[in-house]
């Protein structure tokens, strides 16, 4: 049965399930599992969300915390996480699961969905985001964090990294809705109509930052009669930093924090820290009265390179009445944070092995590249398998190759797939990839040529392409493995190593962009070619 690109909502007791109207691939949004409380802790490990989880934004509803991240060209877009302690997070869905919400058809590396902000206001969740490739800011609403989320409301304002803020007019007492974003070399504020997204009145640059490059990622908070403006500066590399200003009037003028930057690892005391590129933060007040900040940063490996993308980190904030806040006591963040936390509550670990069953939704960790061509995926064709058919795109092209994958979340991590080669035709290629961009990926694939099937290790490094190894396959089934390590990636066929490649060449420093490494399964070649994927294991 073919899959169609539209999805309808089926309400179910205890949760919600996204189901293809006439197909069999489902994207699930389930209610969070109740966590297990383990009492008050004196520390935690950073990052709290490893792998590609950049631009975090957080909000609190009662004693529950919710968080979203950028997803760029990956679909479904904008994962949403739930926590009871700001340390342990469980994914409960995605905000954008329909093509009517997000169009990513030809988006290349790091296009698509940038810098969401999540807020809860008057009993409703709001998520505002930039769709970079299509040059627009949009916001979406939902009654519950796991959805369903609305179709977009387009905001009549240029810029990136948008945030919504509500405040009462001091003269009329009427509530106003504000858009704040990065544009015109500074932080831009404008009032908007919340129903239509239309701009009301003039826009104004309210702060240009402290002089760092790319003032962006703004959030506004109101406390003790002040409007506090938190932003990022310096670019999202090693010179990244968090800065702050405040004003008695939302339109300014804003005065900078006397200790700006309020957090950075650019200074000498942070130069040897494993955590770098600290910036793009959001603040939340916890149920016990404490304050916390989430931010992005990256962990470097193999010299000054990082491969996992920008991850979500957590730090305490001291914020006394009428005083400027202090982030992590003015010290650098650490991988092992030593501080009092909320009572810690853990969630069950997600399964190491992902299986595929007809009538069951896909694991929430799985993503496609851009809006998938649903006819290339089926759970009906062979029980207990995901059939993936070759489409018109390849891994070397931007857009929608037949691909399904998940973030690499640890520097040392193994990704294994069991697959059948029965459906491969001459010229077809199907297997596993350590994928950063269309121009930078390492692959171990089953290749059909001359009626025979070989396992091939190959590399795409910019304009360079290289076949490193070929081993003839003995049967029609194979276990393929990619092993990520600090300095290299290793490739295995049925448990035997057949290739190894330096990790640096698919790092952000080499390839550029804002994403991180994905482990994925793919197929390309003649359109009647396919593979049957039975399991994916990440450990």
Protein backbone atom coordinates (compact mmCIF):
# COMPACT_ATOMS: atom_id res chain seq x y z
CA UNK A 1 0.00 0.00 0.00
CA UNK A 2 1.48 3.35 -1.00
CA UNK A 3 2.12 6.15 1.47
CA UNK A 4 0.61 9.56 0.90
CA UNK A 5 2.25 12.79 2.02
CA UNK A 6 -0.63 13.96 4.15
CA UNK A 7 -1.25 12.90 7.75
CA UNK A 8 -4.42 13.01 9.82
CA UNK A 9 -4.79 13.01 13.55
CA UNK A 10 -6.35 10.07 15.36
CA UNK A 11 -7.23 10.92 18.95
CA UNK A 12 -6.50 8.08 21.36
CA UNK A 13 -6.92 7.62 25.07
CA UNK A 14 -3.70 8.61 26.86
CA UNK A 15 -2.03 10.17 23.83
CA UNK A 16 -2.17 11.07 20.18
CA UNK A 17 -1.06 9.12 17.12
CA UNK A 18 -0.17 10.60 13.76
CA UNK A 19 -1.27 8.17 11.04
CA UNK A 20 -0.94 8.31 7.27
CA UNK A 21 -4.47 8.52 5.88
CA UNK A 22 -4.00 5.69 3.39
CA UNK A 23 -0.64 4.29 4.28
CA UNK A 24 1.38 2.53 6.88
CA UNK A 25 4.24 4.79 8.04
CA UNK A 26 3.19 6.56 11.21
CA UNK A 27 4.84 9.36 13.15
CA UNK A 28 3.95 8.99 16.81
CA UNK A 29 3.43 11.73 19.38
CA UNK A 30 2.92 9.95 22.69
CA UNK A 31 2.42 11.34 26.17
CA UNK A 32 5.50 11.26 28.41
CA UNK A 33 6.13 8.24 30.59
CA UNK A 34 5.92 9.10 34.27
CA UNK A 35 9.50 9.51 35.51
CA UNK A 36 10.98 7.83 38.53
CA UNK A 37 12.06 10.26 41.27
CA UNK A 38 15.48 9.57 42.74
CA UNK A 39 15.70 12.47 45.20
CA UNK A 40 17.81 15.63 45.37
CA UNK A 41 21.14 15.45 43.60
CA UNK A 42 24.34 17.44 43.94
CA UNK A 43 25.31 17.28 40.30
CA UNK A 44 24.72 16.09 36.78
CA UNK A 45 26.48 15.40 33.51
CA UNK A 46 26.59 17.78 30.52
CA UNK A 47 25.37 17.79 27.81
CA UNK A 48 21.84 17.02 28.94
CA UNK A 49 20.79 16.40 25.32
CA UNK A 50 23.78 14.99 23.39
CA UNK A 51 24.15 14.97 19.63
CA UNK A 52 22.67 17.54 17.27
CA UNK A 53 20.40 19.52 19.63
CA UNK A 54 21.25 23.17 18.94
CA UNK A 55 19.46 26.42 19.79
CA UNK A 56 17.55 25.08 22.81
CA UNK A 57 14.50 26.90 24.09
CA UNK A 58 12.72 25.91 27.29
CA UNK A 59 9.52 26.73 29.15
CA UNK A 60 7.85 25.55 32.35
CA UNK A 61 4.21 24.53 32.85
CA UNK A 62 3.56 23.78 36.51
CA UNK A 63 6.31 21.36 37.50
CA UNK A 64 6.88 20.14 33.94
CA UNK A 65 9.55 21.49 31.60
CA UNK A 66 9.49 21.37 27.81
CA UNK A 67 12.31 22.02 25.35
CA UNK A 68 12.73 22.32 21.56
CA UNK A 69 15.72 22.44 19.18
CA UNK A 70 16.59 23.38 15.61
CA UNK A 71 16.43 20.60 12.99
CA UNK A 72 17.44 22.32 9.71
CA UNK A 73 16.76 19.99 6.74
CA UNK A 74 15.63 16.98 8.80
CA UNK A 75 12.00 15.81 9.04
CA UNK A 76 9.91 15.54 11.21
CA UNK A 77 11.07 18.92 12.47
CA UNK A 78 11.56 20.50 15.92
CA UNK A 79 11.63 17.66 18.46
CA UNK A 80 9.92 18.44 21.73
CA UNK A 81 11.21 17.02 25.01
CA UNK A 82 9.70 16.74 28.48
CA UNK A 83 11.50 16.78 31.84
CA UNK A 84 10.79 16.98 35.55
CA UNK A 85 14.27 18.11 36.58
CA UNK A 86 15.82 19.91 33.54
CA UNK A 87 18.49 17.18 33.47
CA UNK A 88 16.74 14.06 32.20
CA UNK A 89 14.66 14.49 29.05
CA UNK A 90 12.29 12.26 27.14
CA UNK A 91 11.14 13.03 23.62
CA UNK A 92 7.34 13.25 23.40
CA UNK A 93 6.99 14.20 19.75
CA UNK A 94 7.79 16.73 17.06
CA UNK A 95 6.12 20.08 16.49
CA UNK A 96 6.20 19.82 12.70
CA UNK A 97 5.07 16.51 11.24
CA UNK A 98 3.13 17.56 8.12
CA UNK A 99 4.17 19.06 4.81
CA UNK A 100 1.46 21.70 5.33
CA UNK A 101 3.53 22.89 8.32
CA UNK A 102 7.02 22.73 6.86
CA UNK A 103 8.36 22.55 3.31
CA UNK A 104 11.93 21.25 3.01
CA UNK A 105 11.83 19.79 -0.48
CA UNK A 106 15.12 21.09 -1.90
CA UNK A 107 16.82 22.34 1.24
CA UNK A 108 20.53 21.71 1.37
CA UNK A 109 22.85 21.42 4.32
CA UNK A 110 21.80 23.63 7.24
CA UNK A 111 18.79 25.09 5.43
CA UNK A 112 15.28 24.63 6.71
CA UNK A 113 14.30 25.11 10.35
CA UNK A 114 16.35 27.49 12.50
CA UNK A 115 16.24 28.53 16.14
CA UNK A 116 12.78 27.80 17.55
CA UNK A 117 11.47 29.46 20.69
CA UNK A 118 8.95 27.62 22.88
CA UNK A 119 6.56 29.48 25.15
CA UNK A 120 3.39 28.72 27.13
CA UNK A 121 0.83 31.53 27.38
CA UNK A 122 -2.81 31.62 28.42
CA UNK A 123 -3.17 27.84 28.38
CA UNK A 124 -1.54 27.35 24.98
CA UNK A 125 1.90 26.35 23.69
CA UNK A 126 3.55 28.58 21.08
CA UNK A 127 6.54 27.62 18.95
CA UNK A 128 8.00 30.28 16.65
CA UNK A 129 10.78 29.48 14.19
CA UNK A 130 12.61 30.63 11.06
CA UNK A 131 12.24 28.57 7.89
CA UNK A 132 15.51 29.82 6.44
CA UNK A 133 15.34 28.37 2.93
CA UNK A 134 11.92 29.92 2.40
CA UNK A 135 12.76 33.27 4.01
CA UNK A 136 10.00 33.41 6.60
CA UNK A 137 9.23 33.43 10.29
CA UNK A 138 6.25 31.36 11.44
CA UNK A 139 4.59 30.36 14.66
CA UNK A 140 2.51 27.32 15.57
CA UNK A 141 0.22 26.58 18.51
CA UNK A 142 -0.91 23.49 20.40
CA UNK A 143 -3.02 22.64 23.42
CA UNK A 144 -0.58 19.90 24.43
CA UNK A 145 3.16 19.76 23.79
CA UNK A 146 2.92 16.43 21.93
CA UNK A 147 0.41 17.99 19.57
CA UNK A 148 -1.38 18.25 17.33
CA UNK A 149 0.35 21.50 16.35
CA UNK A 150 -1.41 23.96 14.09
CA UNK A 151 -0.51 24.97 10.57
CA UNK A 152 1.75 28.05 10.49
CA UNK A 153 0.90 31.67 11.05
CA UNK A 154 3.34 33.71 8.97
CA UNK A 155 4.93 36.68 10.72
CA UNK A 156 5.19 39.90 8.74
CA UNK A 157 8.74 40.62 9.84
CA UNK A 158 12.20 39.93 8.48
CA UNK A 159 14.96 38.35 10.51
CA UNK A 160 16.06 35.09 12.09
CA UNK A 161 15.97 33.46 15.54
CA UNK A 162 12.49 34.72 16.48
CA UNK A 163 10.91 34.91 19.92
CA UNK A 164 7.41 35.82 21.11
CA UNK A 165 6.81 37.96 24.17
CA UNK A 166 3.56 39.17 25.76
CA UNK A 167 3.19 42.29 27.90
CA UNK A 168 0.44 44.62 29.05
CA UNK A 169 0.42 48.19 27.81
CA UNK A 170 1.11 50.33 30.93
CA UNK A 171 -1.40 52.95 29.74
CA UNK A 172 -4.33 50.85 28.52
CA UNK A 173 -3.74 47.56 30.33
CA UNK A 174 -4.29 45.77 27.03
CA UNK A 175 -2.06 42.81 26.31
CA UNK A 176 0.30 43.15 23.36
CA UNK A 177 2.19 40.48 21.44
CA UNK A 178 5.77 41.24 20.44
CA UNK A 179 8.14 39.64 17.96
CA UNK A 180 11.84 39.90 18.76
CA UNK A 181 14.50 38.61 16.36
CA UNK A 182 17.87 39.22 14.77
CA UNK A 183 17.91 41.61 11.80
CA UNK A 184 19.62 44.73 10.49
CA UNK A 185 22.79 43.93 12.45
CA UNK A 186 21.06 43.95 15.82
CA UNK A 187 18.05 42.83 17.82
CA UNK A 188 14.76 43.93 16.27
CA UNK A 189 11.48 44.42 18.15
CA UNK A 190 8.02 44.85 16.70
CA UNK A 191 4.43 44.45 17.83
CA UNK A 192 2.39 41.92 15.86
CA UNK A 193 -1.19 40.78 15.58
CA UNK A 194 -1.22 37.34 17.18
CA UNK A 195 -4.07 36.14 14.97
CA UNK A 196 -2.69 37.16 11.58
CA UNK A 197 1.03 37.68 12.25
CA UNK A 198 0.81 41.16 10.71
CA UNK A 199 3.13 43.86 11.98
CA UNK A 200 1.59 46.67 14.04
CA UNK A 201 3.50 49.91 13.80
CA UNK A 202 7.22 50.31 13.18
CA UNK A 203 10.04 47.91 13.94
CA UNK A 204 13.03 49.09 15.94
CA UNK A 205 16.53 47.80 16.62
CA UNK A 206 16.63 47.89 20.42
CA UNK A 207 20.20 46.64 21.03
CA UNK A 208 23.27 45.92 18.94
CA UNK A 209 25.00 43.79 21.55
CA UNK A 210 28.47 44.40 22.93
CA UNK A 211 30.24 44.58 19.58
CA UNK A 212 30.53 40.87 18.87
CA UNK A 213 29.73 39.46 15.46
CA UNK A 214 26.20 38.26 14.66
CA UNK A 215 24.03 39.44 17.56
CA UNK A 216 21.25 36.84 17.46
CA UNK A 217 19.18 34.32 19.42
CA UNK A 218 17.27 36.93 21.49
CA UNK A 219 14.88 36.25 24.35
CA UNK A 220 13.12 38.82 26.54
CA UNK A 221 12.15 38.28 30.20
CA UNK A 222 10.36 40.71 32.53
CA UNK A 223 11.43 40.73 36.18
CA UNK A 224 11.29 43.35 38.96
CA UNK A 225 10.18 46.07 36.55
CA UNK A 226 13.02 45.46 34.07
CA UNK A 227 12.98 43.94 30.60
CA UNK A 228 16.00 41.66 30.36
CA UNK A 229 17.29 40.89 26.87
CA UNK A 230 19.47 37.78 26.50
CA UNK A 231 21.31 37.23 23.20
CA UNK A 232 24.21 35.36 21.59
CA UNK A 233 27.19 37.00 19.91
CA UNK A 234 30.41 36.05 18.17
CA UNK A 235 29.12 33.46 15.73
CA UNK A 236 28.31 29.89 16.62
CA UNK A 237 31.93 28.69 16.67
CA UNK A 238 34.72 28.99 19.25
CA UNK A 239 34.08 32.73 19.79
CA UNK A 240 30.44 32.24 20.74
CA UNK A 241 29.22 34.00 23.88
CA UNK A 242 26.10 34.90 25.86
CA UNK A 243 25.43 38.58 26.62
CA UNK A 244 22.63 40.47 28.37
CA UNK A 245 21.11 43.94 28.64
CA UNK A 246 18.13 45.44 30.44
CA UNK A 247 15.76 48.39 30.28
CA UNK A 248 12.78 49.83 32.16
CA UNK A 249 11.01 50.23 28.78
CA UNK A 250 10.66 47.36 26.34
CA UNK A 251 11.66 49.72 23.50
CA UNK A 252 14.85 50.74 25.31
CA UNK A 253 17.35 52.17 25.75
CA UNK A 254 19.09 49.02 26.99
CA UNK A 255 22.16 48.99 29.19
CA UNK A 256 24.57 46.07 29.04
CA UNK A 257 25.27 43.68 31.91
CA UNK A 258 28.36 45.01 33.73
CA UNK A 259 30.00 41.58 33.45
CA UNK A 260 29.30 40.87 29.79
CA UNK A 261 29.76 38.33 28.37
CA UNK A 262 27.79 36.54 31.05
CA UNK A 263 29.07 33.19 29.75
CA UNK A 264 31.73 32.23 27.22
CA UNK A 265 34.57 29.74 26.92
CA UNK A 266 36.47 32.05 24.58
CA UNK A 267 38.57 33.43 27.43
CA UNK A 268 41.84 31.92 28.64
CA UNK A 269 40.21 30.05 31.52
CA UNK A 270 38.08 28.14 29.02
CA UNK A 271 40.71 27.40 26.38
CA UNK A 272 41.39 23.84 27.54
CA UNK A 273 37.79 22.99 28.31
CA UNK A 274 36.29 20.04 26.42
CA UNK A 275 33.16 22.20 25.97
CA UNK A 276 33.43 25.02 23.44
CA UNK A 277 31.24 27.39 21.41
CA UNK A 278 28.94 28.24 24.32
CA UNK A 279 26.00 30.45 23.35
CA UNK A 280 22.35 30.81 22.32
CA UNK A 281 20.79 30.44 25.75
CA UNK A 282 17.30 30.52 27.25
CA UNK A 283 16.38 30.95 30.94
CA UNK A 284 13.65 29.26 32.96
CA UNK A 285 12.49 29.67 36.55
CA UNK A 286 12.12 26.31 38.27
CA UNK A 287 9.25 25.29 40.48
CA UNK A 288 11.43 25.64 43.62
CA UNK A 289 12.35 29.26 42.82
CA UNK A 290 15.77 28.48 41.36
CA UNK A 291 16.81 29.68 37.91
CA UNK A 292 18.47 27.71 35.13
CA UNK A 293 19.79 28.30 31.63
CA UNK A 294 19.97 25.93 28.70
CA UNK A 295 22.41 26.75 25.93
CA UNK A 296 24.21 25.22 23.01
CA UNK A 297 27.85 24.21 22.93
CA UNK A 298 29.93 21.49 21.32
CA UNK A 299 32.40 18.89 22.52
CA UNK A 300 35.57 18.80 20.52
CA UNK A 301 37.43 15.67 19.51
CA UNK A 302 40.40 14.74 17.30
CA UNK A 303 42.16 18.07 17.89
CA UNK A 304 40.06 21.16 17.34
CA UNK A 305 37.30 19.38 15.44
CA UNK A 306 33.75 18.53 16.44
CA UNK A 307 31.41 16.12 14.68
CA UNK A 308 28.29 15.66 16.79
CA UNK A 309 26.95 19.13 16.16
CA UNK A 310 25.96 21.66 18.78
CA UNK A 311 24.39 20.03 21.81
CA UNK A 312 22.15 21.19 24.69
CA UNK A 313 23.88 22.04 27.98
CA UNK A 314 22.49 23.15 31.35
CA UNK A 315 23.82 25.54 33.99
CA UNK A 316 22.46 27.16 37.18
CA UNK A 317 21.68 30.88 37.28
CA UNK A 318 21.72 33.02 40.42
CA UNK A 319 19.17 35.81 40.10
CA UNK A 320 18.36 37.87 43.17
CA UNK A 321 15.60 40.48 43.21
CA UNK A 322 16.54 43.72 41.39
CA UNK A 323 20.00 42.29 40.63
CA UNK A 324 21.69 41.19 37.44
CA UNK A 325 21.79 37.39 37.05
CA UNK A 326 25.01 35.40 37.36
CA UNK A 327 25.48 32.35 35.15
CA UNK A 328 27.16 29.32 36.76
CA UNK A 329 28.80 31.50 39.37
CA UNK A 330 30.78 33.25 36.64
CA UNK A 331 32.75 30.08 35.92
CA UNK A 332 32.97 27.90 32.81
CA UNK A 333 30.60 25.00 32.41
CA UNK A 334 31.96 21.52 32.98
CA UNK A 335 31.10 18.05 31.76
CA UNK A 336 30.47 17.08 35.39
CA UNK A 337 28.52 19.85 37.08
CA UNK A 338 28.72 20.01 40.87
CA UNK A 339 25.70 21.91 42.17
CA UNK A 340 22.38 21.39 43.86
CA UNK A 341 19.63 20.43 41.42
CA UNK A 342 15.93 19.82 41.44
CA UNK A 343 14.92 16.38 42.72
CA UNK A 344 16.16 14.23 39.87
CA UNK A 345 13.67 12.14 37.92
CA UNK A 346 14.80 9.68 35.28
CA UNK A 347 12.98 8.16 32.33
CA UNK A 348 13.36 4.64 30.93
CA UNK A 349 16.20 4.46 28.42
CA UNK A 350 15.00 4.23 24.81
CA UNK A 351 15.60 0.81 23.25
CA UNK A 352 19.03 0.19 21.75
CA UNK A 353 17.50 -1.77 18.89
CA UNK A 354 14.82 -0.21 16.68
CA UNK A 355 12.45 -2.66 15.00
CA UNK A 356 9.80 -2.16 12.35
CA UNK A 357 6.30 -3.54 12.61
CA UNK A 358 3.23 -2.98 10.50
CA UNK A 359 0.69 -0.83 12.29
CA UNK A 360 3.20 0.58 14.78
CA UNK A 361 4.63 4.11 14.62
CA UNK A 362 8.25 4.79 13.85
CA UNK A 363 10.65 5.43 16.71
CA UNK A 364 10.61 9.17 17.55
CA UNK A 365 14.39 9.37 17.20
CA UNK A 366 14.23 8.61 13.46
CA UNK A 367 14.38 11.34 10.84
CA UNK A 368 14.23 11.66 7.07
CA UNK A 369 16.13 14.15 4.92
CA UNK A 370 13.70 16.88 3.84
CA UNK A 371 10.08 16.01 3.11
CA UNK A 372 10.25 12.29 2.30
CA UNK A 373 8.71 10.68 -0.77
CA UNK A 374 6.39 8.36 1.13
CA UNK A 375 6.04 5.92 -1.76
CA UNK A 376 9.69 4.97 -1.14
CA UNK A 377 8.93 3.54 2.32
CA UNK A 378 6.68 0.65 3.32
CA UNK A 379 6.01 -1.53 6.33
CA UNK A 380 3.53 -3.69 4.38
CA UNK A 381 5.85 -5.30 1.85
CA UNK A 382 7.57 -7.73 4.20
CA UNK A 383 6.52 -8.44 7.80
CA UNK A 384 8.98 -7.14 10.39
CA UNK A 385 10.88 -5.00 7.90
CA UNK A 386 11.03 -1.47 6.57
CA UNK A 387 11.26 -1.63 2.78
CA UNK A 388 13.18 1.31 1.36
CA UNK A 389 12.98 1.90 -2.39
CA UNK A 390 15.43 3.93 -4.46
CA UNK A 391 14.14 7.37 -5.39
CA UNK A 392 15.30 10.05 -7.77
CA UNK A 393 17.81 11.58 -5.32
CA UNK A 394 21.14 10.26 -4.00
CA UNK A 395 23.08 10.99 -0.81
CA UNK A 396 25.33 13.28 -2.87
CA UNK A 397 22.42 15.60 -3.68
CA UNK A 398 20.46 18.03 -1.57
CA UNK A 399 16.82 17.19 -1.14
CA UNK A 400 15.11 13.91 -0.31
CA UNK A 401 17.21 10.78 -0.90
CA UNK A 402 15.73 7.57 0.46
CA UNK A 403 17.25 7.82 3.91
CA UNK A 404 16.24 7.19 7.50
CA UNK A 405 18.55 7.86 10.42
CA UNK A 406 19.17 9.21 13.89
CA UNK A 407 21.67 11.49 15.56
CA UNK A 408 25.08 10.27 16.63
CA UNK A 409 24.94 11.14 20.32
CA UNK A 410 28.27 9.91 21.68
CA UNK A 411 31.78 10.32 20.34
CA UNK A 412 32.29 6.58 20.73
CA UNK A 413 29.17 4.91 19.34
CA UNK A 414 28.26 1.93 17.19
CA UNK A 415 25.48 1.81 14.57
CA UNK A 416 24.44 -1.54 13.12
CA UNK A 417 21.77 -2.62 10.63
CA UNK A 418 20.49 -5.98 9.48
CA UNK A 419 19.35 -5.88 5.87
CA UNK A 420 18.54 -8.03 2.87
CA UNK A 421 19.93 -7.41 -0.61
CA UNK A 422 17.27 -9.41 -2.52
CA UNK A 423 15.80 -6.28 -4.08
CA UNK A 424 19.00 -4.69 -5.38
CA UNK A 425 19.42 -4.27 -9.14
CA UNK A 426 22.64 -3.70 -11.07
CA UNK A 427 23.95 -0.22 -10.32
CA UNK A 428 22.12 0.04 -6.98
CA UNK A 429 23.78 0.96 -3.70
CA UNK A 430 22.25 0.50 -0.23
CA UNK A 431 23.68 0.49 3.25
CA UNK A 432 24.74 2.72 6.14
CA UNK A 433 26.20 6.20 6.20
CA UNK A 434 27.90 8.50 8.69
CA UNK A 435 26.34 11.60 7.16
CA UNK A 436 27.10 15.27 7.69
CA UNK A 437 26.30 16.89 4.33
CA UNK A 438 25.74 15.74 0.73
CA UNK A 439 29.41 16.51 0.13
CA UNK A 440 30.77 14.90 3.32
CA UNK A 441 29.76 11.38 4.32
CA UNK A 442 31.32 7.94 4.86
CA UNK A 443 29.38 4.89 3.64
CA UNK A 444 29.41 1.13 3.90
CA UNK A 445 26.99 -0.22 1.32
CA UNK A 446 25.86 -3.30 -0.55
CA UNK A 447 26.45 -2.72 -4.25
CA UNK A 448 25.06 -4.78 -7.09
CA UNK A 449 27.35 -5.09 -10.09
CA UNK A 450 27.57 -7.73 -12.77
CA UNK A 451 25.00 -9.85 -10.98
CA UNK A 452 27.13 -10.03 -7.85
CA UNK A 453 26.75 -8.18 -4.56
CA UNK A 454 29.73 -6.63 -2.80
CA UNK A 455 30.09 -4.69 0.43
CA UNK A 456 31.80 -1.40 -0.42
CA UNK A 457 33.37 1.21 1.87
CA UNK A 458 33.47 4.61 0.17
CA UNK A 459 34.03 8.23 1.08
CA UNK A 460 32.70 11.54 -0.22
CA UNK A 461 34.94 14.44 0.81
CA UNK A 462 33.95 17.58 -1.06
CA UNK A 463 34.93 17.04 -4.69
CA UNK A 464 36.86 13.88 -3.82
CA UNK A 465 35.29 10.44 -4.03
CA UNK A 466 37.13 7.28 -3.06
CA UNK A 467 36.32 3.58 -2.87
CA UNK A 468 38.39 2.16 -0.03
CA UNK A 469 37.36 -1.50 -0.01
CA UNK A 470 35.13 -4.07 -1.68
CA UNK A 471 34.31 -7.50 -0.24
CA UNK A 472 32.06 -9.97 -2.03
CA UNK A 473 28.92 -10.88 -0.12
CA UNK A 474 28.39 -14.58 0.55
CA UNK A 475 24.58 -14.55 0.75
CA UNK A 476 21.65 -12.18 0.47
CA UNK A 477 21.72 -10.88 4.06
CA UNK A 478 24.29 -8.71 5.79
CA UNK A 479 25.06 -7.08 9.10
CA UNK A 480 26.63 -3.69 8.44
CA UNK A 481 28.23 -1.61 11.20
CA UNK A 482 29.77 1.84 11.53
CA UNK A 483 31.82 2.45 14.68
CA UNK A 484 32.46 6.08 15.58
CA UNK A 485 35.51 6.83 17.72
CA UNK A 486 37.36 9.95 18.79
CA UNK A 487 39.70 9.98 15.81
CA UNK A 488 38.18 7.70 13.18
CA UNK A 489 35.21 5.76 11.86
CA UNK A 490 35.51 1.99 11.33
CA UNK A 491 33.36 -0.13 9.04
CA UNK A 492 32.37 -3.77 9.54
CA UNK A 493 30.70 -6.47 7.46
CA UNK A 494 29.25 -9.30 9.56
CA UNK A 495 31.54 -8.33 12.43
CA UNK A 496 34.75 -8.10 10.38
CA UNK A 497 36.46 -4.73 9.90
CA UNK A 498 36.86 -3.82 6.23
CA UNK A 499 37.64 -0.08 6.39
CA UNK A 500 38.73 2.87 8.52
CA UNK A 501 38.70 6.64 7.90
CA UNK A 502 39.90 9.75 9.74
CA UNK A 503 37.02 11.48 11.52
CA UNK A 504 38.24 15.02 10.84
CA UNK A 505 37.04 15.09 7.25
CA UNK A 506 33.37 15.01 8.22
CA UNK A 507 33.76 17.52 11.05
CA UNK A 508 32.00 20.89 11.12
CA UNK A 509 35.38 22.60 10.90
CA UNK A 510 36.06 20.80 7.60
CA UNK A 511 32.61 20.72 6.02
CA UNK A 512 30.97 23.81 7.54
CA UNK A 513 27.31 24.17 8.36
CA UNK A 514 25.32 23.89 11.57
CA UNK A 515 24.32 20.24 11.75
CA UNK A 516 25.96 17.17 13.30
CA UNK A 517 26.66 13.62 12.22
CA UNK A 518 23.70 11.35 11.56
CA UNK A 519 23.87 7.57 11.31
CA UNK A 520 21.48 6.47 8.60
CA UNK A 521 20.33 3.73 6.24
CA UNK A 522 19.89 4.58 2.57
CA UNK A 523 19.28 3.17 -0.90
CA UNK A 524 19.88 4.69 -4.33
CA UNK A 525 20.10 3.59 -7.95
CA UNK A 526 17.55 2.10 -10.40
CA UNK A 527 14.03 2.95 -9.27
CA UNK A 528 13.02 -0.72 -8.97
CA UNK A 529 15.78 -1.34 -6.40
CA UNK A 530 15.05 -1.74 -2.71
CA UNK A 531 16.36 -3.10 0.57
CA UNK A 532 14.50 -4.68 3.46
CA UNK A 533 15.71 -3.32 6.78
CA UNK A 534 14.90 -5.46 9.82
CA UNK A 535 16.68 -3.67 12.70
CA UNK A 536 18.78 -0.62 13.52
CA UNK A 537 20.91 -0.78 16.66
CA UNK A 538 22.64 2.20 18.29
CA UNK A 539 24.97 1.60 21.23
